[in-house]
């Protein structure tokens, strides 16, 4: 039996750290809609997209939900729940806040 730190114990410690980081990211990933725009939080990054820059929303099975901006670029949203329902909610939000 060996004493002290082994490669096995270092590997387990790194695996524990990686699992903790992954769990934290999963728990903080979200998409929020408010009167000013859309907030996308994923991979420990936050991005705010003003409502005026959002042109449309689309979704496809296997690729998730994406919003099209007025400049023609796309922003992919993180997978959080039912993609079709989320796309429909965002469409309703776009129609409600137009004007």
C-alpha atoms as a PDB file:
ATOM      1  CA  UNK A   1       0.000   0.000   0.000  1.00  0.00           C
ATOM      2  CA  UNK A   2       1.360   3.401  -0.928  1.00  0.00           C
ATOM      3  CA  UNK A   3       0.953   6.594   1.018  1.00  0.00           C
ATOM      4  CA  UNK A   4       0.497  10.150  -0.176  1.00  0.00           C
ATOM      5  CA  UNK A   5      -0.835  11.550  -3.404  1.00  0.00           C
ATOM      6  CA  UNK A   6      -1.107   9.129  -6.307  1.00  0.00           C
ATOM      7  CA  UNK A   7      -1.974   9.626  -9.957  1.00  0.00           C
ATOM      8  CA  UNK A   8      -5.303   7.939  -9.234  1.00  0.00           C
ATOM      9  CA  UNK A   9      -6.214  10.397  -6.451  1.00  0.00           C
ATOM     10  CA  UNK A  10      -5.184  13.372  -8.629  1.00  0.00           C
ATOM     11  CA  UNK A  11      -7.342  12.020 -11.457  1.00  0.00           C
ATOM     12  CA  UNK A  12     -10.348  11.661  -9.152  1.00  0.00           C
ATOM     13  CA  UNK A  13      -9.858  15.181  -7.812  1.00  0.00           C
ATOM     14  CA  UNK A  14      -9.754  16.586 -11.354  1.00  0.00           C
ATOM     15  CA  UNK A  15     -12.848  14.581 -12.296  1.00  0.00           C
ATOM     16  CA  UNK A  16     -14.678  15.959  -9.243  1.00  0.00           C
ATOM     17  CA  UNK A  17     -13.712  19.500 -10.209  1.00  0.00           C
ATOM     18  CA  UNK A  18     -14.861  18.971 -13.805  1.00  0.00           C
ATOM     19  CA  UNK A  19     -18.191  17.553 -12.636  1.00  0.00           C
ATOM     20  CA  UNK A  20     -18.726  20.522 -10.286  1.00  0.00           C
ATOM     21  CA  UNK A  21     -18.025  23.007 -13.088  1.00  0.00           C
ATOM     22  CA  UNK A  22     -20.389  21.155 -15.443  1.00  0.00           C
ATOM     23  CA  UNK A  23     -23.168  21.042 -12.869  1.00  0.00           C
ATOM     24  CA  UNK A  24     -22.777  24.740 -12.099  1.00  0.00           C
ATOM     25  CA  UNK A  25     -22.971  25.582 -15.807  1.00  0.00           C
ATOM     26  CA  UNK A  26     -26.079  23.420 -16.255  1.00  0.00           C
ATOM     27  CA  UNK A  27     -27.801  25.060 -13.291  1.00  0.00           C
ATOM     28  CA  UNK A  28     -27.034  28.609 -14.478  1.00  0.00           C
ATOM     29  CA  UNK A  29     -27.900  28.129 -18.188  1.00  0.00           C
ATOM     30  CA  UNK A  30     -31.074  30.045 -19.049  1.00  0.00           C
ATOM     31  CA  UNK A  31     -32.933  32.242 -21.539  1.00  0.00           C
ATOM     32  CA  UNK A  32     -34.842  35.225 -20.163  1.00  0.00           C
ATOM     33  CA  UNK A  33     -37.276  37.530 -21.924  1.00  0.00           C
ATOM     34  CA  UNK A  34     -38.079  40.979 -20.594  1.00  0.00           C
ATOM     35  CA  UNK A  35     -39.414  44.260 -21.977  1.00  0.00           C
ATOM     36  CA  UNK A  36     -35.960  45.405 -23.104  1.00  0.00           C
ATOM     37  CA  UNK A  37     -34.784  42.225 -24.836  1.00  0.00           C
ATOM     38  CA  UNK A  38     -33.527  38.674 -24.533  1.00  0.00           C
ATOM     39  CA  UNK A  39     -30.842  37.515 -22.102  1.00  0.00           C
ATOM     40  CA  UNK A  40     -28.942  34.346 -23.000  1.00  0.00           C
ATOM     41  CA  UNK A  41     -26.765  32.788 -20.271  1.00  0.00           C
ATOM     42  CA  UNK A  42     -24.681  29.724 -21.198  1.00  0.00           C
ATOM     43  CA  UNK A  43     -21.105  28.519 -20.727  1.00  0.00           C
ATOM     44  CA  UNK A  44     -20.592  31.137 -17.985  1.00  0.00           C
ATOM     45  CA  UNK A  45     -21.272  33.911 -20.500  1.00  0.00           C
ATOM     46  CA  UNK A  46     -24.151  36.375 -20.546  1.00  0.00           C
ATOM     47  CA  UNK A  47     -25.377  38.002 -23.743  1.00  0.00           C
ATOM     48  CA  UNK A  48     -28.097  40.623 -23.963  1.00  0.00           C
ATOM     49  CA  UNK A  49     -29.905  41.078 -27.284  1.00  0.00           C
ATOM     50  CA  UNK A  50     -32.097  44.198 -27.459  1.00  0.00           C
ATOM     51  CA  UNK A  51     -35.675  43.556 -28.591  1.00  0.00           C
ATOM     52  CA  UNK A  52     -35.262  45.940 -31.534  1.00  0.00           C
ATOM     53  CA  UNK A  53     -32.501  43.738 -32.986  1.00  0.00           C
ATOM     54  CA  UNK A  54     -34.578  40.517 -32.997  1.00  0.00           C
ATOM     55  CA  UNK A  55     -36.242  39.803 -36.322  1.00  0.00           C
ATOM     56  CA  UNK A  56     -37.522  36.224 -35.975  1.00  0.00           C
ATOM     57  CA  UNK A  57     -37.080  32.873 -34.252  1.00  0.00           C
ATOM     58  CA  UNK A  58     -36.773  29.359 -35.653  1.00  0.00           C
ATOM     59  CA  UNK A  59     -36.219  25.847 -34.385  1.00  0.00           C
ATOM     60  CA  UNK A  60     -35.458  22.462 -35.886  1.00  0.00           C
ATOM     61  CA  UNK A  61     -35.197  19.066 -34.281  1.00  0.00           C
ATOM     62  CA  UNK A  62     -31.625  18.309 -33.339  1.00  0.00           C
ATOM     63  CA  UNK A  63     -30.395  21.893 -33.703  1.00  0.00           C
ATOM     64  CA  UNK A  64     -32.494  23.729 -31.150  1.00  0.00           C
ATOM     65  CA  UNK A  65     -33.746  27.305 -31.184  1.00  0.00           C
ATOM     66  CA  UNK A  66     -32.057  30.243 -32.903  1.00  0.00           C
ATOM     67  CA  UNK A  67     -33.031  33.884 -33.251  1.00  0.00           C
ATOM     68  CA  UNK A  68     -32.349  35.925 -36.361  1.00  0.00           C
ATOM     69  CA  UNK A  69     -31.147  39.458 -35.836  1.00  0.00           C
ATOM     70  CA  UNK A  70     -31.945  42.447 -38.020  1.00  0.00           C
ATOM     71  CA  UNK A  71     -28.374  42.428 -39.404  1.00  0.00           C
ATOM     72  CA  UNK A  72     -28.940  38.893 -40.768  1.00  0.00           C
ATOM     73  CA  UNK A  73     -26.833  37.070 -38.179  1.00  0.00           C
ATOM     74  CA  UNK A  74     -28.105  34.219 -36.013  1.00  0.00           C
ATOM     75  CA  UNK A  75     -27.818  33.614 -32.270  1.00  0.00           C
ATOM     76  CA  UNK A  76     -28.251  30.014 -31.130  1.00  0.00           C
ATOM     77  CA  UNK A  77     -29.995  29.662 -27.796  1.00  0.00           C
ATOM     78  CA  UNK A  78     -28.974  27.037 -25.243  1.00  0.00           C
ATOM     79  CA  UNK A  79     -31.079  23.903 -24.941  1.00  0.00           C
ATOM     80  CA  UNK A  80     -33.278  24.384 -21.904  1.00  0.00           C
ATOM     81  CA  UNK A  81     -36.468  22.363 -22.139  1.00  0.00           C
ATOM     82  CA  UNK A  82     -38.823  21.878 -25.073  1.00  0.00           C
ATOM     83  CA  UNK A  83     -37.411  23.697 -28.117  1.00  0.00           C
ATOM     84  CA  UNK A  84     -40.699  24.004 -29.987  1.00  0.00           C
ATOM     85  CA  UNK A  85     -42.503  25.438 -26.952  1.00  0.00           C
ATOM     86  CA  UNK A  86     -39.640  27.882 -26.324  1.00  0.00           C
ATOM     87  CA  UNK A  87     -39.678  29.035 -29.963  1.00  0.00           C
ATOM     88  CA  UNK A  88     -43.450  29.577 -29.763  1.00  0.00           C
ATOM     89  CA  UNK A  89     -43.062  31.546 -26.527  1.00  0.00           C
ATOM     90  CA  UNK A  90     -40.420  33.783 -28.097  1.00  0.00           C
ATOM     91  CA  UNK A  91     -42.631  34.335 -31.178  1.00  0.00           C
ATOM     92  CA  UNK A  92     -45.502  35.391 -28.922  1.00  0.00           C
ATOM     93  CA  UNK A  93     -43.141  37.702 -26.998  1.00  0.00           C
ATOM     94  CA  UNK A  94     -41.947  39.275 -30.270  1.00  0.00           C
ATOM     95  CA  UNK A  95     -45.549  39.921 -31.387  1.00  0.00           C
ATOM     96  CA  UNK A  96     -46.526  41.269 -27.945  1.00  0.00           C
ATOM     97  CA  UNK A  97     -43.644  43.728 -27.823  1.00  0.00           C
ATOM     98  CA  UNK A  98     -43.800  44.930 -31.447  1.00  0.00           C
ATOM     99  CA  UNK A  99     -45.052  48.370 -32.008  1.00  0.00           C
END
